[in-house]
Amino acid sequence: QYLYWSLGYTFKGSPVSKIKKTIPA
């Protein structure tokens, strides 16, 4: 369809274990 040129940025997330503890709280 077309050439896929892009510029991106990665936002580092929190560990999954921390997310699991935060949601119940």
PDB file of all heavy atoms in Angstrom:
ATOM      1  N   GLN A   1       0.836  -1.201   0.000  1.00  0.00           N
ATOM      2  CA  GLN A   1       0.000   0.000   0.000  1.00  0.00           C
ATOM      3  C   GLN A   1       0.872   1.254   0.000  1.00  0.00           C
ATOM      4  O   GLN A   1       0.627   2.185  -0.752  1.00  0.00           O
ATOM      5  CB  GLN A   1      -0.931   0.004   1.215  1.00  0.00           C
ATOM      6  CG  GLN A   1      -1.947  -1.118   1.214  1.00  0.00           C
ATOM      7  CD  GLN A   1      -2.798  -1.113   2.470  1.00  0.00           C
ATOM      8  OE1 GLN A   1      -2.561  -0.355   3.411  1.00  0.00           O
ATOM      9  NE2 GLN A   1      -3.796  -1.974   2.512  1.00  0.00           N
ATOM     10  N   TYR A   2       1.891   1.266   0.866  1.00  0.00           N
ATOM     11  CA  TYR A   2       2.820   2.392   0.898  1.00  0.00           C
ATOM     12  C   TYR A   2       4.015   2.034   1.773  1.00  0.00           C
ATOM     13  O   TYR A   2       3.977   1.081   2.552  1.00  0.00           O
ATOM     14  CB  TYR A   2       2.149   3.672   1.412  1.00  0.00           C
ATOM     15  CG  TYR A   2       1.511   3.558   2.777  1.00  0.00           C
ATOM     16  CD1 TYR A   2       2.261   3.758   3.941  1.00  0.00           C
ATOM     17  CD2 TYR A   2       0.157   3.278   2.911  1.00  0.00           C
ATOM     18  CE1 TYR A   2       1.675   3.662   5.188  1.00  0.00           C
ATOM     19  CE2 TYR A   2      -0.435   3.185   4.156  1.00  0.00           C
ATOM     20  CZ  TYR A   2       0.328   3.386   5.283  1.00  0.00           C
ATOM     21  OH  TYR A   2      -0.248   3.287   6.525  1.00  0.00           O
ATOM     22  N   LEU A   3       5.097   2.797   1.616  1.00  0.00           N
ATOM     23  CA  LEU A   3       6.275   2.634   2.465  1.00  0.00           C
ATOM     24  C   LEU A   3       5.955   3.158   3.859  1.00  0.00           C
ATOM     25  O   LEU A   3       5.392   4.240   4.011  1.00  0.00           O
ATOM     26  CB  LEU A   3       7.475   3.385   1.877  1.00  0.00           C
ATOM     27  CG  LEU A   3       8.033   2.841   0.564  1.00  0.00           C
ATOM     28  CD1 LEU A   3       9.160   3.739   0.064  1.00  0.00           C
ATOM     29  CD2 LEU A   3       8.535   1.412   0.730  1.00  0.00           C
ATOM     30  N   TYR A   4       6.340   2.393   4.860  1.00  0.00           N
ATOM     31  CA  TYR A   4       5.993   2.706   6.247  1.00  0.00           C
ATOM     32  C   TYR A   4       7.168   3.410   6.921  1.00  0.00           C
ATOM     33  O   TYR A   4       8.055   2.785   7.497  1.00  0.00           O
ATOM     34  CB  TYR A   4       5.630   1.409   6.984  1.00  0.00           C
ATOM     35  CG  TYR A   4       4.986   1.613   8.336  1.00  0.00           C
ATOM     36  CD1 TYR A   4       3.622   1.826   8.451  1.00  0.00           C
ATOM     37  CD2 TYR A   4       5.750   1.576   9.501  1.00  0.00           C
ATOM     38  CE1 TYR A   4       3.025   2.000   9.687  1.00  0.00           C
ATOM     39  CE2 TYR A   4       5.165   1.752  10.737  1.00  0.00           C
ATOM     40  CZ  TYR A   4       3.805   1.959  10.826  1.00  0.00           C
ATOM     41  OH  TYR A   4       3.221   2.140  12.061  1.00  0.00           O
ATOM     42  N   TRP A   5       7.185   4.746   6.820  1.00  0.00           N
ATOM     43  CA  TRP A   5       8.179   5.561   7.513  1.00  0.00           C
ATOM     44  C   TRP A   5       7.532   6.122   8.762  1.00  0.00           C
ATOM     45  O   TRP A   5       6.428   6.666   8.703  1.00  0.00           O
ATOM     46  CB  TRP A   5       8.628   6.740   6.640  1.00  0.00           C
ATOM     47  CG  TRP A   5       9.319   6.391   5.372  1.00  0.00           C
ATOM     48  CD1 TRP A   5       8.749   6.256   4.135  1.00  0.00           C
ATOM     49  CD2 TRP A   5      10.711   6.166   5.191  1.00  0.00           C
ATOM     50  NE1 TRP A   5       9.699   5.958   3.207  1.00  0.00           N
ATOM     51  CE2 TRP A   5      10.916   5.897   3.820  1.00  0.00           C
ATOM     52  CE3 TRP A   5      11.812   6.156   6.049  1.00  0.00           C
ATOM     53  CZ2 TRP A   5      12.173   5.622   3.291  1.00  0.00           C
ATOM     54  CZ3 TRP A   5      13.057   5.893   5.530  1.00  0.00           C
ATOM     55  CH2 TRP A   5      13.234   5.635   4.164  1.00  0.00           C
ATOM     56  N   SER A   6       8.193   6.057   9.896  1.00  0.00           N
ATOM     57  CA  SER A   6       7.608   6.655  11.095  1.00  0.00           C
ATOM     58  C   SER A   6       8.690   7.035  12.090  1.00  0.00           C
ATOM     59  O   SER A   6       9.803   6.504  12.073  1.00  0.00           O
ATOM     60  CB  SER A   6       6.599   5.707  11.750  1.00  0.00           C
ATOM     61  OG  SER A   6       7.254   4.608  12.355  1.00  0.00           O
ATOM     62  N   LEU A   7       8.344   7.958  12.954  1.00  0.00           N
ATOM     63  CA  LEU A   7       9.168   8.362  14.079  1.00  0.00           C
ATOM     64  C   LEU A   7       8.355   8.104  15.334  1.00  0.00           C
ATOM     65  O   LEU A   7       7.167   8.446  15.394  1.00  0.00           O
ATOM     66  CB  LEU A   7       9.537   9.842  13.975  1.00  0.00           C
ATOM     67  CG  LEU A   7      10.555  10.371  14.993  1.00  0.00           C
ATOM     68  CD1 LEU A   7      11.917   9.716  14.771  1.00  0.00           C
ATOM     69  CD2 LEU A   7      10.688  11.891  14.867  1.00  0.00           C
ATOM     70  N   GLY A   8       8.977   7.463  16.331  1.00  0.00           N
ATOM     71  CA  GLY A   8       8.213   7.064  17.510  1.00  0.00           C
ATOM     72  C   GLY A   8       8.952   7.280  18.812  1.00  0.00           C
ATOM     73  O   GLY A   8      10.159   7.550  18.837  1.00  0.00           O
ATOM     74  N   TYR A   9       8.197   7.141  19.888  1.00  0.00           N
ATOM     75  CA  TYR A   9       8.759   7.287  21.229  1.00  0.00           C
ATOM     76  C   TYR A   9       8.134   6.233  22.132  1.00  0.00           C
ATOM     77  O   TYR A   9       6.922   5.981  22.071  1.00  0.00           O
ATOM     78  CB  TYR A   9       8.468   8.678  21.786  1.00  0.00           C
ATOM     79  CG  TYR A   9       9.212   8.986  23.068  1.00  0.00           C
ATOM     80  CD1 TYR A   9      10.486   9.511  23.043  1.00  0.00           C
ATOM     81  CD2 TYR A   9       8.629   8.728  24.311  1.00  0.00           C
ATOM     82  CE1 TYR A   9      11.183   9.792  24.218  1.00  0.00           C
ATOM     83  CE2 TYR A   9       9.313   9.000  25.490  1.00  0.00           C
ATOM     84  CZ  TYR A   9      10.589   9.533  25.432  1.00  0.00           C
ATOM     85  OH  TYR A   9      11.275   9.793  26.592  1.00  0.00           O
ATOM     86  N   THR A  10       8.975   5.602  22.953  1.00  0.00           N
ATOM     87  CA  THR A  10       8.510   4.583  23.890  1.00  0.00           C
ATOM     88  C   THR A  10       8.406   5.167  25.295  1.00  0.00           C
ATOM     89  O   THR A  10       9.394   5.678  25.836  1.00  0.00           O
ATOM     90  CB  THR A  10       9.469   3.379  23.923  1.00  0.00           C
ATOM     91  OG1 THR A  10       9.508   2.781  22.624  1.00  0.00           O
ATOM     92  CG2 THR A  10       8.985   2.340  24.929  1.00  0.00           C
ATOM     93  N   PHE A  11       7.206   5.098  25.853  1.00  0.00           N
ATOM     94  CA  PHE A  11       6.990   5.506  27.239  1.00  0.00           C
ATOM     95  C   PHE A  11       7.116   4.252  28.109  1.00  0.00           C
ATOM     96  O   PHE A  11       6.315   3.326  27.993  1.00  0.00           O
ATOM     97  CB  PHE A  11       5.602   6.135  27.410  1.00  0.00           C
ATOM     98  CG  PHE A  11       5.419   7.399  26.614  1.00  0.00           C
ATOM     99  CD1 PHE A  11       4.919   7.352  25.319  1.00  0.00           C
ATOM    100  CD2 PHE A  11       5.751   8.633  27.163  1.00  0.00           C
ATOM    101  CE1 PHE A  11       4.743   8.517  24.579  1.00  0.00           C
ATOM    102  CE2 PHE A  11       5.583   9.806  26.431  1.00  0.00           C
ATOM    103  CZ  PHE A  11       5.070   9.743  25.136  1.00  0.00           C
ATOM    104  N   LYS A  12       8.143   4.222  28.935  1.00  0.00           N
ATOM    105  CA  LYS A  12       8.392   3.063  29.774  1.00  0.00           C
ATOM    106  C   LYS A  12       7.292   2.925  30.824  1.00  0.00           C
ATOM    107  O   LYS A  12       6.956   3.877  31.524  1.00  0.00           O
ATOM    108  CB  LYS A  12       9.750   3.167  30.459  1.00  0.00           C
ATOM    109  CG  LYS A  12      10.928   3.205  29.499  1.00  0.00           C
ATOM    110  CD  LYS A  12      11.118   1.873  28.786  1.00  0.00           C
ATOM    111  CE  LYS A  12      12.369   1.884  27.926  1.00  0.00           C
ATOM    112  NZ  LYS A  12      12.573   0.609  27.215  1.00  0.00           N
ATOM    113  N   GLY A  13       6.760   1.710  30.933  1.00  0.00           N
ATOM    114  CA  GLY A  13       5.679   1.457  31.874  1.00  0.00           C
ATOM    115  C   GLY A  13       6.173   0.876  33.183  1.00  0.00           C
ATOM    116  O   GLY A  13       7.348   0.522  33.346  1.00  0.00           O
ATOM    117  N   SER A  14       5.262   0.734  34.107  1.00  0.00           N
ATOM    118  CA  SER A  14       5.576   0.142  35.408  1.00  0.00           C
ATOM    119  C   SER A  14       5.548  -1.374  35.307  1.00  0.00           C
ATOM    120  O   SER A  14       4.875  -1.939  34.429  1.00  0.00           O
ATOM    121  CB  SER A  14       4.552   0.602  36.447  1.00  0.00           C
ATOM    122  OG  SER A  14       4.559   2.016  36.577  1.00  0.00           O
ATOM    123  N   PRO A  15       6.290  -2.067  36.170  1.00  0.00           N
ATOM    124  CA  PRO A  15       6.236  -3.533  36.196  1.00  0.00           C
ATOM    125  C   PRO A  15       4.814  -4.031  36.405  1.00  0.00           C
ATOM    126  O   PRO A  15       4.007  -3.398  37.106  1.00  0.00           O
ATOM    127  CB  PRO A  15       7.142  -3.897  37.363  1.00  0.00           C
ATOM    128  CG  PRO A  15       8.070  -2.738  37.498  1.00  0.00           C
ATOM    129  CD  PRO A  15       7.266  -1.534  37.131  1.00  0.00           C
ATOM    130  N   VAL A  16       4.492  -5.171  35.793  1.00  0.00           N
ATOM    131  CA  VAL A  16       3.151  -5.733  35.896  1.00  0.00           C
ATOM    132  C   VAL A  16       2.797  -6.028  37.350  1.00  0.00           C
ATOM    133  O   VAL A  16       1.659  -5.813  37.782  1.00  0.00           O
ATOM    134  CB  VAL A  16       3.044  -7.017  35.046  1.00  0.00           C
ATOM    135  CG1 VAL A  16       1.697  -7.691  35.274  1.00  0.00           C
ATOM    136  CG2 VAL A  16       3.245  -6.696  33.573  1.00  0.00           C
ATOM    137  N   SER A  17       3.767  -6.483  38.148  1.00  0.00           N
ATOM    138  CA  SER A  17       3.500  -6.803  39.559  1.00  0.00           C
ATOM    139  C   SER A  17       3.060  -5.561  40.323  1.00  0.00           C
ATOM    140  O   SER A  17       2.186  -5.627  41.199  1.00  0.00           O
ATOM    141  CB  SER A  17       4.754  -7.396  40.199  1.00  0.00           C
ATOM    142  OG  SER A  17       5.843  -6.488  40.117  1.00  0.00           O
ATOM    143  N   LYS A  18       3.638  -4.423  40.000  1.00  0.00           N
ATOM    144  CA  LYS A  18       3.269  -3.175  40.673  1.00  0.00           C
ATOM    145  C   LYS A  18       1.857  -2.749  40.287  1.00  0.00           C
ATOM    146  O   LYS A  18       1.093  -2.247  41.110  1.00  0.00           O
ATOM    147  CB  LYS A  18       4.275  -2.084  40.319  1.00  0.00           C
ATOM    148  CG  LYS A  18       4.049  -0.779  41.070  1.00  0.00           C
ATOM    149  CD  LYS A  18       5.135   0.228  40.737  1.00  0.00           C
ATOM    150  CE  LYS A  18       4.915   1.534  41.503  1.00  0.00           C
ATOM    151  NZ  LYS A  18       5.969   2.534  41.190  1.00  0.00           N
ATOM    152  N   ILE A  19       1.508  -2.958  39.002  1.00  0.00           N
ATOM    153  CA  ILE A  19       0.166  -2.614  38.532  1.00  0.00           C
ATOM    154  C   ILE A  19      -0.882  -3.475  39.238  1.00  0.00           C
ATOM    155  O   ILE A  19      -1.934  -2.992  39.658  1.00  0.00           O
ATOM    156  CB  ILE A  19       0.062  -2.788  37.002  1.00  0.00           C
ATOM    157  CG1 ILE A  19       1.015  -1.808  36.303  1.00  0.00           C
ATOM    158  CG2 ILE A  19      -1.363  -2.582  36.525  1.00  0.00           C
ATOM    159  CD1 ILE A  19       1.081  -1.984  34.809  1.00  0.00           C
ATOM    160  N   LYS A  20      -0.564  -4.782  39.391  1.00  0.00           N
ATOM    161  CA  LYS A  20      -1.513  -5.688  40.059  1.00  0.00           C
ATOM    162  C   LYS A  20      -1.744  -5.288  41.508  1.00  0.00           C
ATOM    163  O   LYS A  20      -2.837  -5.465  42.050  1.00  0.00           O
ATOM    164  CB  LYS A  20      -0.987  -7.125  39.977  1.00  0.00           C
ATOM    165  CG  LYS A  20      -1.024  -7.721  38.573  1.00  0.00           C
ATOM    166  CD  LYS A  20      -0.502  -9.150  38.561  1.00  0.00           C
ATOM    167  CE  LYS A  20      -0.588  -9.753  37.173  1.00  0.00           C
ATOM    168  NZ  LYS A  20      -0.050 -11.141  37.143  1.00  0.00           N
ATOM    169  N   LYS A  21      -0.722  -4.751  42.158  1.00  0.00           N
ATOM    170  CA  LYS A  21      -0.870  -4.326  43.557  1.00  0.00           C
ATOM    171  C   LYS A  21      -1.611  -3.007  43.642  1.00  0.00           C
ATOM    172  O   LYS A  21      -2.335  -2.750  44.597  1.00  0.00           O
ATOM    173  CB  LYS A  21       0.525  -4.193  44.203  1.00  0.00           C
ATOM    174  CG  LYS A  21       1.251  -5.504  44.401  1.00  0.00           C
ATOM    175  CD  LYS A  21       2.613  -5.272  45.039  1.00  0.00           C
ATOM    176  CE  LYS A  21       3.362  -6.594  45.229  1.00  0.00           C
ATOM    177  NZ  LYS A  21       4.711  -6.358  45.811  1.00  0.00           N
ATOM    178  N   THR A  22      -1.428  -2.130  42.631  1.00  0.00           N
ATOM    179  CA  THR A  22      -2.029  -0.811  42.674  1.00  0.00           C
ATOM    180  C   THR A  22      -3.530  -0.844  42.433  1.00  0.00           C
ATOM    181  O   THR A  22      -4.301  -0.138  43.102  1.00  0.00           O
ATOM    182  CB  THR A  22      -1.354   0.095  41.615  1.00  0.00           C
ATOM    183  OG1 THR A  22       0.042   0.139  41.862  1.00  0.00           O
ATOM    184  CG2 THR A  22      -1.918   1.506  41.676  1.00  0.00           C
ATOM    185  N   ILE A  23      -3.977  -1.701  41.502  1.00  0.00           N
ATOM    186  CA  ILE A  23      -5.393  -1.736  41.135  1.00  0.00           C
ATOM    187  C   ILE A  23      -6.290  -2.112  42.322  1.00  0.00           C
ATOM    188  O   ILE A  23      -7.269  -1.408  42.611  1.00  0.00           O
ATOM    189  CB  ILE A  23      -5.626  -2.694  39.942  1.00  0.00           C
ATOM    190  CG1 ILE A  23      -4.955  -2.118  38.695  1.00  0.00           C
ATOM    191  CG2 ILE A  23      -7.117  -2.922  39.700  1.00  0.00           C
ATOM    192  CD1 ILE A  23      -5.042  -3.020  37.482  1.00  0.00           C
ATOM    193  N   PRO A  24      -5.987  -3.175  43.092  1.00  0.00           N
ATOM    194  CA  PRO A  24      -6.843  -3.484  44.259  1.00  0.00           C
ATOM    195  C   PRO A  24      -6.841  -2.357  45.295  1.00  0.00           C
ATOM    196  O   PRO A  24      -7.867  -2.093  45.947  1.00  0.00           O
ATOM    197  CB  PRO A  24      -6.197  -4.756  44.843  1.00  0.00           C
ATOM    198  CG  PRO A  24      -5.484  -5.370  43.693  1.00  0.00           C
ATOM    199  CD  PRO A  24      -4.975  -4.218  42.897  1.00  0.00           C
ATOM    200  N   ALA A  25      -5.694  -1.667  45.437  1.00  0.00           N
ATOM    201  CA  ALA A  25      -5.623  -0.569  46.401  1.00  0.00           C
ATOM    202  C   ALA A  25      -6.536   0.578  45.969  1.00  0.00           C
ATOM    203  O   ALA A  25      -7.188   1.200  46.820  1.00  0.00           O
ATOM    204  CB  ALA A  25      -4.172  -0.097  46.521  1.00  0.00           C
TER     205      ALA A  25
END
